[in-house]
Amino acid sequence: MTPLTFSPIALADLPRVRSIVERTPYQSCQLSAGGLYALAEQYDTHVCFADGFLFVRQQRRGVGTCYFMPVGVGRLSEALDRLREHAAAAASPLALWGIAEDMVDDFRAAAPRYAAVELTPHRDWAEYIHAAQRLLTLQGKHLQPKRNALNQLLRSHADFRYEAISEANVAEVLAFQLRQVEEQKERTPREALEVEHRAIRRALKDFTAAGFVGGLIRIDGGVAAFAAGCPISASTFDILFEKGDRRYNGVFQLVERELIRAELQGVAYINREEDLGIASLRFAKQALHPDRLLMKYTATLPNP
């Protein structure tokens, strides 16, 4: 069997990533083609395509070299065996990172030898999944504070404007993002801020070519918020980046609403990604009461 060969993820790989992932039911943002590309520098992301499967290799702090569970249509047991052989060639056990909760049954059923493998949960990397319709309407008692904030903003700034992100305004989006970096320095860990900024800059540079979809809100002519992401599977869209001017209470709800209305018709679920264990981010994400918290796990498989 031909050994797996990995190479750095490139723009040209993204259509192939999407074509494989969209045939699965998985909802994890780690399978977002745009996310893999935008964060490639941070995680040294390499990919391999073989036997109808997508294989992903990254470098993760505290783990070292690790791999995603292979994703594709075919015999998962054989794909895992090939991955174990690849890791063994480097005299290393196979470290699987980010096995999402909706992948666990497939992993367990791949072969009897995987049924009893220990899975270690990682709450900081759990993902927030929302029904798109609930984010659109903000209906329900739990979301009343968000609904009130949005309604107040609409009363005071009824002349807001929504625009799809394009070559015509992407420079303004980047300038707004730079201002947000300065504003967030006091409340966000520096490393997390720098990682996010590099990813946003990379995404904006190749926005259309990488398959990103996004929109911005203008208030009094200037950019007040933007949100951008890309599809994961046929049912789920990943909002990879979301920034807003906090002087406008409710602006995050507004940009999400307008993005869903204008760009995401037919999408059933929105993945608003992880909180990374950042207390303020966890509070903000929990305040939107996700429909599902998608846990993720790691596992170590011994050499064959």
Protein backbone atom coordinates (compact mmCIF):
# COMPACT_ATOMS: atom_id res chain seq x y z
CA MET A 1 0.00 0.00 0.00
CA THR A 2 1.39 3.39 -1.02
CA PRO A 3 2.41 5.47 2.01
CA LEU A 4 0.43 8.62 2.71
CA THR A 5 2.12 11.81 1.52
CA PHE A 6 1.21 15.11 3.17
CA SER A 7 1.77 18.60 1.79
CA PRO A 8 0.96 22.10 3.13
CA ILE A 9 -2.66 23.01 2.51
CA ALA A 10 -3.03 25.37 -0.45
CA LEU A 11 -5.83 27.34 -2.08
CA ALA A 12 -6.02 24.72 -4.82
CA ASP A 13 -6.84 22.04 -2.21
CA LEU A 14 -9.96 23.74 -0.84
CA PRO A 15 -12.49 22.61 -3.48
CA ARG A 16 -11.37 19.03 -2.91
CA VAL A 17 -11.67 19.42 0.87
CA ARG A 18 -15.20 20.76 0.45
CA SER A 19 -16.22 18.02 -1.99
CA ILE A 20 -15.27 15.35 0.57
CA VAL A 21 -16.59 17.01 3.73
CA GLU A 22 -19.95 18.07 2.26
CA ARG A 23 -20.83 14.39 1.75
CA THR A 24 -20.60 13.75 5.49
CA PRO A 25 -23.08 14.64 8.26
CA TYR A 26 -20.34 16.16 10.43
CA GLN A 27 -20.68 19.68 11.88
CA SER A 28 -17.24 20.40 13.35
CA CYS A 29 -15.63 23.68 12.34
CA GLN A 30 -12.26 21.92 12.14
CA LEU A 31 -13.51 20.48 8.82
CA SER A 32 -14.25 23.92 7.37
CA ALA A 33 -12.08 24.31 4.27
CA GLY A 34 -11.69 28.03 4.87
CA GLY A 35 -10.84 27.48 8.51
CA LEU A 36 -8.16 24.95 7.66
CA TYR A 37 -6.66 27.44 5.21
CA ALA A 38 -6.93 30.54 7.39
CA LEU A 39 -5.32 28.85 10.40
CA ALA A 40 -2.72 26.92 8.42
CA GLU A 41 0.17 29.04 9.66
CA GLN A 42 -0.80 28.61 13.31
CA TYR A 43 -1.13 24.83 13.13
CA ASP A 44 1.25 23.99 10.29
CA THR A 45 -1.63 22.28 8.52
CA HIS A 46 -0.80 19.59 5.96
CA VAL A 47 -3.30 17.51 4.00
CA CYS A 48 -3.35 14.28 2.04
CA PHE A 49 -6.03 12.88 -0.26
CA ALA A 50 -6.17 9.11 -0.70
CA ASP A 51 -8.87 6.50 -1.37
CA GLY A 52 -11.63 9.09 -1.20
CA PHE A 53 -10.53 10.33 2.24
CA LEU A 54 -9.21 13.63 3.52
CA PHE A 55 -6.30 13.25 5.95
CA VAL A 56 -5.18 16.27 7.99
CA ARG A 57 -1.95 16.65 9.99
CA GLN A 58 -1.25 19.54 12.35
CA GLN A 59 1.04 20.66 15.15
CA ARG A 60 -0.85 21.35 18.39
CA ARG A 61 0.53 22.71 21.63
CA GLY A 62 0.66 20.02 24.29
CA VAL A 63 0.14 17.29 21.70
CA GLY A 64 2.82 17.78 19.06
CA THR A 65 2.20 16.13 15.72
CA CYS A 66 -1.44 15.06 15.52
CA TYR A 67 -4.00 14.04 12.96
CA PHE A 68 -7.72 14.45 12.43
CA MET A 69 -9.88 11.38 12.10
CA PRO A 70 -9.92 10.61 8.36
CA VAL A 71 -13.06 11.93 6.67
CA GLY A 72 -14.53 10.51 3.51
CA VAL A 73 -16.73 7.89 1.95
CA GLY A 74 -15.15 4.47 2.15
CA ARG A 75 -13.71 2.03 4.66
CA LEU A 76 -12.75 4.11 7.70
CA SER A 77 -10.95 1.15 9.28
CA GLU A 78 -8.54 0.98 6.34
CA ALA A 79 -8.02 4.76 6.39
CA LEU A 80 -7.19 4.63 10.12
CA ASP A 81 -4.83 1.71 9.54
CA ARG A 82 -2.99 3.69 6.85
CA LEU A 83 -2.71 6.64 9.21
CA ARG A 84 -1.33 4.43 11.99
CA GLU A 85 1.29 3.07 9.58
CA HIS A 86 2.21 6.63 8.59
CA ALA A 87 2.72 7.59 12.25
CA ALA A 88 4.62 4.38 12.96
CA ALA A 89 7.08 5.21 10.17
CA ALA A 90 8.09 8.18 12.34
CA ALA A 91 8.34 5.86 15.38
CA SER A 92 5.36 7.57 16.95
CA PRO A 93 1.93 6.41 18.12
CA LEU A 94 -1.00 7.95 16.26
CA ALA A 95 -2.35 10.99 18.13
CA LEU A 96 -5.87 11.78 16.92
CA TRP A 97 -7.00 15.30 17.75
CA GLY A 98 -10.49 16.77 17.64
CA ILE A 99 -12.68 13.70 17.25
CA ALA A 100 -16.01 15.51 17.42
CA GLU A 101 -18.97 14.02 19.22
CA ASP A 102 -20.79 13.39 15.95
CA MET A 103 -17.81 11.35 14.70
CA VAL A 104 -17.51 9.06 17.73
CA ASP A 105 -19.98 6.38 16.61
CA ASP A 106 -18.24 6.10 13.23
CA PHE A 107 -14.87 5.84 14.96
CA ARG A 108 -16.09 3.15 17.34
CA ALA A 109 -17.74 1.18 14.54
CA ALA A 110 -14.73 1.36 12.22
CA ALA A 111 -13.29 -1.87 13.59
CA PRO A 112 -13.47 -3.86 16.86
CA ARG A 113 -9.99 -2.69 17.83
CA TYR A 114 -11.25 0.92 18.06
CA ALA A 115 -14.34 0.16 20.14
CA ALA A 116 -12.51 0.40 23.47
CA VAL A 117 -10.03 3.19 22.67
CA GLU A 118 -10.07 5.81 25.44
CA LEU A 119 -11.36 9.21 24.32
CA THR A 120 -10.29 12.23 26.38
CA PRO A 121 -12.78 15.14 26.30
CA HIS A 122 -11.63 18.76 25.91
CA ARG A 123 -14.30 21.26 26.98
CA ASP A 124 -12.30 24.30 25.85
CA TRP A 125 -12.54 23.06 22.26
CA ALA A 126 -16.26 22.21 22.34
CA GLU A 127 -18.19 23.96 19.56
CA TYR A 128 -21.41 25.97 19.81
CA ILE A 129 -24.05 24.81 17.30
CA HIS A 130 -27.20 26.88 16.70
CA ALA A 131 -30.29 26.37 14.60
CA ALA A 132 -30.03 29.11 11.96
CA GLN A 133 -33.69 29.99 12.39
CA ARG A 134 -33.23 30.74 16.10
CA LEU A 135 -30.30 33.08 15.40
CA LEU A 136 -32.40 34.73 12.73
CA THR A 137 -35.45 35.37 14.93
CA LEU A 138 -33.97 35.27 18.46
CA GLN A 139 -37.25 33.79 19.63
CA GLY A 140 -37.71 32.37 23.12
CA LYS A 141 -37.42 33.51 26.72
CA HIS A 142 -33.69 32.76 26.98
CA LEU A 143 -32.88 35.01 24.03
CA GLN A 144 -35.08 37.92 25.08
CA PRO A 145 -32.11 40.06 26.30
CA LYS A 146 -30.45 39.66 22.89
CA ARG A 147 -33.72 40.42 21.13
CA ASN A 148 -34.21 43.53 23.24
CA ALA A 149 -30.69 44.76 22.46
CA LEU A 150 -31.23 44.23 18.74
CA ASN A 151 -34.58 46.02 18.76
CA GLN A 152 -33.10 48.97 20.63
CA LEU A 153 -30.27 49.22 18.09
CA LEU A 154 -32.75 49.10 15.22
CA ARG A 155 -34.78 51.90 16.77
CA SER A 156 -31.76 54.16 17.18
CA HIS A 157 -30.07 53.24 13.87
CA ALA A 158 -32.87 52.28 11.51
CA ASP A 159 -30.77 53.52 8.59
CA PHE A 160 -28.05 50.86 9.04
CA ARG A 161 -26.83 49.18 5.86
CA TYR A 162 -25.77 45.59 5.19
CA GLU A 163 -23.20 44.76 2.50
CA ALA A 164 -21.72 41.47 1.38
CA ILE A 165 -17.95 41.44 1.82
CA SER A 166 -16.29 41.83 -1.57
CA GLU A 167 -13.22 43.31 -3.22
CA ALA A 168 -14.97 46.67 -3.03
CA ASN A 169 -14.98 46.82 0.78
CA VAL A 170 -12.48 44.24 2.00
CA ALA A 171 -9.88 46.93 2.73
CA GLU A 172 -12.37 48.67 5.03
CA VAL A 173 -13.04 45.37 6.79
CA LEU A 174 -9.32 44.88 7.42
CA ALA A 175 -8.97 48.45 8.73
CA PHE A 176 -11.90 47.84 11.08
CA GLN A 177 -10.27 44.58 12.23
CA LEU A 178 -7.03 46.41 13.03
CA ARG A 179 -8.98 48.85 15.21
CA GLN A 180 -10.62 45.91 16.97
CA VAL A 181 -7.22 44.39 17.76
CA GLU A 182 -6.20 47.60 19.51
CA GLU A 183 -9.50 47.78 21.40
CA GLN A 184 -9.36 44.13 22.54
CA LYS A 185 -5.82 44.17 23.90
CA GLU A 186 -6.97 44.85 27.47
CA ARG A 187 -9.39 41.89 27.73
CA THR A 188 -8.12 39.19 25.34
CA PRO A 189 -4.96 37.08 25.77
CA ARG A 190 -2.30 38.45 23.44
CA GLU A 191 -1.48 35.16 21.76
CA ALA A 192 -5.14 34.39 20.99
CA LEU A 193 -5.55 37.89 19.56
CA GLU A 194 -2.50 37.56 17.33
CA VAL A 195 -3.50 34.11 16.08
CA GLU A 196 -6.97 35.34 15.20
CA HIS A 197 -5.67 38.47 13.47
CA ARG A 198 -3.26 36.49 11.27
CA ALA A 199 -6.09 34.14 10.30
CA ILE A 200 -8.47 37.01 9.50
CA ARG A 201 -5.81 38.75 7.42
CA ARG A 202 -5.13 35.54 5.46
CA ALA A 203 -8.85 34.95 4.94
CA LEU A 204 -9.50 38.49 3.73
CA LYS A 205 -6.55 38.35 1.35
CA ASP A 206 -7.97 35.29 -0.43
CA PHE A 207 -11.62 35.85 0.49
CA THR A 208 -13.36 34.87 -2.74
CA ALA A 209 -10.80 32.33 -3.92
CA ALA A 210 -10.97 30.49 -0.58
CA GLY A 211 -14.76 30.30 -0.71
CA PHE A 212 -15.52 32.63 2.18
CA VAL A 213 -18.93 34.24 2.58
CA GLY A 214 -19.42 37.29 4.77
CA GLY A 215 -21.14 40.57 5.37
CA LEU A 216 -20.71 43.86 7.17
CA ILE A 217 -22.95 46.38 8.88
CA ARG A 218 -22.57 50.10 8.23
CA ILE A 219 -23.80 52.63 10.77
CA ASP A 220 -23.45 56.33 9.91
CA GLY A 221 -21.43 55.26 6.88
CA GLY A 222 -18.66 53.43 8.75
CA VAL A 223 -18.14 49.70 9.35
CA ALA A 224 -19.66 48.75 12.71
CA ALA A 225 -19.43 44.93 12.47
CA PHE A 226 -18.55 42.09 10.15
CA ALA A 227 -18.97 38.32 10.14
CA ALA A 228 -17.50 35.77 7.75
CA GLY A 229 -17.13 32.05 7.34
CA CYS A 230 -17.72 29.16 4.98
CA PRO A 231 -19.77 25.98 4.69
CA ILE A 232 -18.75 22.86 6.59
CA SER A 233 -21.26 20.37 5.24
CA ALA A 234 -24.53 20.67 3.37
CA SER A 235 -26.39 21.51 6.58
CA THR A 236 -23.91 23.63 8.55
CA PHE A 237 -22.14 26.96 8.08
CA ASP A 238 -19.08 27.94 10.10
CA ILE A 239 -18.93 31.56 11.28
CA LEU A 240 -15.18 31.73 11.57
CA PHE A 241 -14.82 35.44 12.33
CA GLU A 242 -17.18 37.92 13.96
CA LYS A 243 -16.23 41.42 15.07
CA GLY A 244 -18.32 44.36 16.22
CA ASP A 245 -18.00 47.84 17.65
CA ARG A 246 -19.15 47.40 21.25
CA ARG A 247 -20.51 50.94 21.38
CA TYR A 248 -23.48 49.53 19.48
CA ASN A 249 -25.21 47.07 21.80
CA GLY A 250 -26.89 44.42 19.66
CA VAL A 251 -24.60 44.82 16.65
CA PHE A 252 -23.43 41.18 16.82
CA GLN A 253 -27.03 39.97 16.64
CA LEU A 254 -27.66 42.37 13.76
CA VAL A 255 -24.74 41.24 11.61
CA GLU A 256 -25.59 37.57 12.21
CA ARG A 257 -29.24 38.16 11.32
CA GLU A 258 -28.42 40.02 8.12
CA LEU A 259 -25.76 37.50 7.08
CA ILE A 260 -28.22 34.62 7.48
CA ARG A 261 -30.96 36.54 5.66
CA ALA A 262 -28.81 37.60 2.74
CA GLU A 263 -26.30 34.81 2.24
CA LEU A 264 -27.31 31.64 4.06
CA GLN A 265 -30.79 30.77 2.86
CA GLY A 266 -31.29 27.01 3.21
CA VAL A 267 -28.59 26.55 5.85
CA ALA A 268 -30.00 24.65 8.83
CA TYR A 269 -27.25 25.15 11.42
CA ILE A 270 -24.65 27.75 12.32
CA ASN A 271 -21.41 26.71 14.04
CA ARG A 272 -20.11 29.60 16.17
CA GLU A 273 -16.89 27.73 17.00
CA GLU A 274 -15.14 27.26 20.36
CA ASP A 275 -14.54 29.50 23.37
CA LEU A 276 -10.95 28.21 23.82
CA GLY A 277 -11.39 28.39 27.59
CA ILE A 278 -11.42 32.22 27.53
CA ALA A 279 -13.85 33.22 30.29
CA SER A 280 -15.31 36.29 28.56
CA LEU A 281 -15.75 34.42 25.30
CA ARG A 282 -17.42 31.48 27.05
CA PHE A 283 -19.84 33.84 28.78
CA ALA A 284 -20.73 35.53 25.48
CA LYS A 285 -21.23 32.26 23.62
CA GLN A 286 -23.29 30.68 26.38
CA ALA A 287 -25.51 33.78 26.48
CA LEU A 288 -26.82 32.79 23.04
CA HIS A 289 -27.94 29.38 24.41
CA PRO A 290 -26.69 27.03 21.69
CA ASP A 291 -28.88 24.17 20.57
CA ARG A 292 -25.91 21.84 20.93
CA LEU A 293 -22.48 21.89 22.51
CA LEU A 294 -20.40 19.68 20.26
CA MET A 295 -17.73 18.07 22.44
CA LYS A 296 -14.36 17.08 21.01
CA TYR A 297 -11.95 14.38 22.10
CA THR A 298 -8.39 13.19 21.62
CA ALA A 299 -7.18 9.62 21.39
CA THR A 300 -3.84 7.84 21.07
CA LEU A 301 -3.63 4.69 18.98
CA PRO A 302 -0.63 2.39 19.41
CA ASN A 303 1.56 1.47 16.47
CA PRO A 304 0.28 -1.45 14.36
